[in-house]
Amino acid sequence: MDIADCAELPGSAKSGLVEGSIELPFGVPAVIGRTTLDTEVVMMWSDIASLVARYREAGKATTSLPDQPGELRLEAIPGGLARLTVAYSEDVSLTNVAGEEDLLSALALGGVAFFEKLGELTGRFHDREIDQLTGRSGAGRTGPST
């Protein structure tokens, strides 16, 4: 179920956990999709927000995957591109290269929509994560590379 369609949190989410997946249909194969990252969604979006903020500061960032082995990586590539990788091990990974601005925008739009809806449903707001996703966290780079 898309969180945008929720009038209340699903059953297990009432205990504080939102199990499911994030779908970012960006490239083929989709690095972040229903079959690649089935996890606790609030934690995953929080990790993605932190990943985006650190990427804006340094041009690369890594975060662990909640509830499963592996990591999510985001790194700048010359020419205004960025590489997003889900690495389960040294030998098993999914990666996609996209325009940096487009990829950051897709992550920000998806994450902000998720956290705003979560705030509407729970009354608990996630301003820090929204600031990290949108680049309003105030430190380092504040947007795509040139």
Protein backbone atom coordinates (compact mmCIF):
# COMPACT_ATOMS: atom_id res chain seq x y z
CA MET A 1 0.00 0.00 0.00
CA ASP A 2 1.30 3.45 -0.86
CA ILE A 3 1.65 5.55 2.29
CA ALA A 4 -0.04 8.44 0.47
CA ASP A 5 -3.20 6.31 0.42
CA CYS A 6 -3.14 5.61 4.17
CA ALA A 7 -5.81 7.19 6.37
CA GLU A 8 -4.17 5.53 9.37
CA LEU A 9 -1.01 3.59 10.00
CA PRO A 10 -1.13 -0.10 9.08
CA GLY A 11 -1.52 -2.56 11.99
CA SER A 12 2.16 -3.21 12.76
CA ALA A 13 3.00 0.47 12.32
CA LYS A 14 0.84 1.36 15.31
CA SER A 15 3.55 -0.27 17.44
CA GLY A 16 6.10 2.04 15.86
CA LEU A 17 7.35 -0.12 12.99
CA VAL A 18 6.42 0.49 9.37
CA GLU A 19 7.46 -2.67 7.53
CA GLY A 20 7.59 -2.60 3.76
CA SER A 21 9.67 -1.26 0.94
CA ILE A 22 10.67 1.96 -0.72
CA GLU A 23 10.24 2.12 -4.45
CA LEU A 24 12.40 4.54 -6.38
CA PRO A 25 11.79 3.59 -10.02
CA PHE A 26 15.04 5.07 -11.22
CA GLY A 27 16.82 3.13 -13.94
CA VAL A 28 16.92 -0.56 -14.71
CA PRO A 29 17.31 -2.44 -12.52
CA ALA A 30 15.72 -0.29 -9.83
CA VAL A 31 18.31 -0.12 -7.05
CA ILE A 32 15.69 0.84 -4.47
CA GLY A 33 12.61 -1.25 -5.09
CA ARG A 34 10.12 -3.70 -3.69
CA THR A 35 12.38 -6.68 -4.40
CA THR A 36 15.64 -5.07 -3.25
CA LEU A 37 14.89 -3.33 0.04
CA ASP A 38 12.10 -4.86 2.10
CA THR A 39 12.72 -3.41 5.56
CA GLU A 40 11.58 -1.06 8.33
CA VAL A 41 10.66 1.94 6.18
CA VAL A 42 11.01 4.79 8.71
CA MET A 43 14.54 3.67 9.53
CA MET A 44 15.41 3.26 5.84
CA TRP A 45 14.12 6.73 4.93
CA SER A 46 16.02 8.19 7.92
CA ASP A 47 19.17 6.47 6.70
CA ILE A 48 18.58 7.75 3.16
CA ALA A 49 18.10 11.30 4.50
CA SER A 50 21.43 11.06 6.33
CA LEU A 51 23.05 9.56 3.21
CA VAL A 52 21.83 12.47 1.07
CA ALA A 53 23.06 15.06 3.60
CA ARG A 54 26.52 13.45 3.82
CA TYR A 55 26.64 13.17 0.03
CA ARG A 56 25.93 16.88 -0.30
CA GLU A 57 28.84 17.57 2.07
CA ALA A 58 31.43 15.27 0.55
CA GLY A 59 30.27 13.99 -2.85
CA LYS A 60 30.00 10.41 -1.52
CA ALA A 61 28.31 8.63 1.35
CA THR A 62 27.48 5.15 2.62
CA THR A 63 24.90 3.81 5.06
CA SER A 64 24.13 0.33 6.36
CA LEU A 65 20.91 -1.36 5.34
CA PRO A 66 18.48 -1.82 8.23
CA ASP A 67 17.54 -5.41 9.05
CA GLN A 68 19.84 -6.96 6.43
CA PRO A 69 23.50 -7.23 5.53
CA GLY A 70 24.91 -4.73 3.09
CA GLU A 71 25.02 -1.03 2.45
CA LEU A 72 23.60 1.74 0.31
CA ARG A 73 26.18 3.95 -1.43
CA LEU A 74 25.84 7.26 -3.21
CA GLU A 75 28.79 8.77 -5.04
CA ALA A 76 29.39 11.59 -7.50
CA ILE A 77 30.66 10.81 -10.97
CA PRO A 78 32.19 13.49 -13.22
CA GLY A 79 29.80 15.11 -15.67
CA GLY A 80 26.98 15.82 -13.21
CA LEU A 81 26.16 12.17 -12.60
CA ALA A 82 25.73 10.12 -9.44
CA ARG A 83 25.95 6.39 -8.79
CA LEU A 84 23.51 4.73 -6.41
CA THR A 85 24.46 1.21 -5.29
CA VAL A 86 22.93 -1.37 -2.99
CA ALA A 87 25.79 -3.72 -2.12
CA TYR A 88 24.84 -6.93 -0.33
CA SER A 89 28.41 -8.27 -0.47
CA GLU A 90 31.59 -7.72 -2.47
CA ASP A 91 30.17 -9.92 -5.22
CA VAL A 92 26.45 -9.04 -5.14
CA SER A 93 25.21 -5.52 -5.80
CA LEU A 94 22.80 -3.45 -7.86
CA THR A 95 23.95 -0.12 -9.22
CA ASN A 96 22.57 2.62 -11.38
CA VAL A 97 24.01 5.87 -12.70
CA ALA A 98 21.73 8.87 -13.20
CA GLY A 99 21.87 12.63 -13.41
CA GLU A 100 22.88 13.84 -9.96
CA GLU A 101 20.23 16.54 -9.76
CA ASP A 102 17.50 14.15 -10.90
CA LEU A 103 18.54 11.46 -8.42
CA LEU A 104 18.80 13.85 -5.46
CA SER A 105 15.45 15.37 -6.41
CA ALA A 106 13.78 11.93 -6.59
CA LEU A 107 15.19 10.95 -3.17
CA ALA A 108 14.14 14.29 -1.66
CA LEU A 109 10.61 14.21 -3.12
CA GLY A 110 10.00 10.62 -2.02
CA GLY A 111 11.44 11.10 1.45
CA VAL A 112 9.70 14.40 2.14
CA ALA A 113 6.35 12.98 0.98
CA PHE A 114 6.88 9.96 3.27
CA PHE A 115 7.85 12.01 6.34
CA GLU A 116 5.07 14.56 5.82
CA LYS A 117 2.45 11.80 5.58
CA LEU A 118 3.97 10.02 8.59
CA GLY A 119 3.74 13.28 10.55
CA GLU A 120 0.11 13.69 9.51
CA LEU A 121 -0.70 10.15 10.68
CA THR A 122 1.29 10.19 13.94
CA GLY A 123 1.59 13.82 15.01
CA ARG A 124 5.37 13.28 15.26
CA PHE A 125 7.34 15.32 12.79
CA HIS A 126 10.68 14.58 11.20
CA ASP A 127 12.06 18.05 10.50
CA ARG A 128 15.68 16.93 10.72
CA GLU A 129 15.22 14.26 8.04
CA ILE A 130 13.28 16.66 5.80
CA ASP A 131 16.05 19.25 6.19
CA GLN A 132 18.66 16.63 5.30
CA LEU A 133 16.75 15.54 2.20
CA THR A 134 16.14 19.06 0.95
CA GLY A 135 19.62 20.41 1.67
CA ARG A 136 18.47 22.82 4.36
CA SER A 137 20.73 21.17 6.96
CA GLY A 138 23.15 24.06 6.59
CA ALA A 139 26.51 22.33 6.28
CA GLY A 140 28.82 21.79 3.32
CA ARG A 141 27.56 21.44 -0.23
CA THR A 142 23.91 22.33 -0.60
CA GLY A 143 23.11 20.82 -3.93
CA PRO A 144 24.26 18.99 -6.99
CA SER A 145 27.83 19.24 -8.18
CA THR A 146 28.61 21.30 -11.24
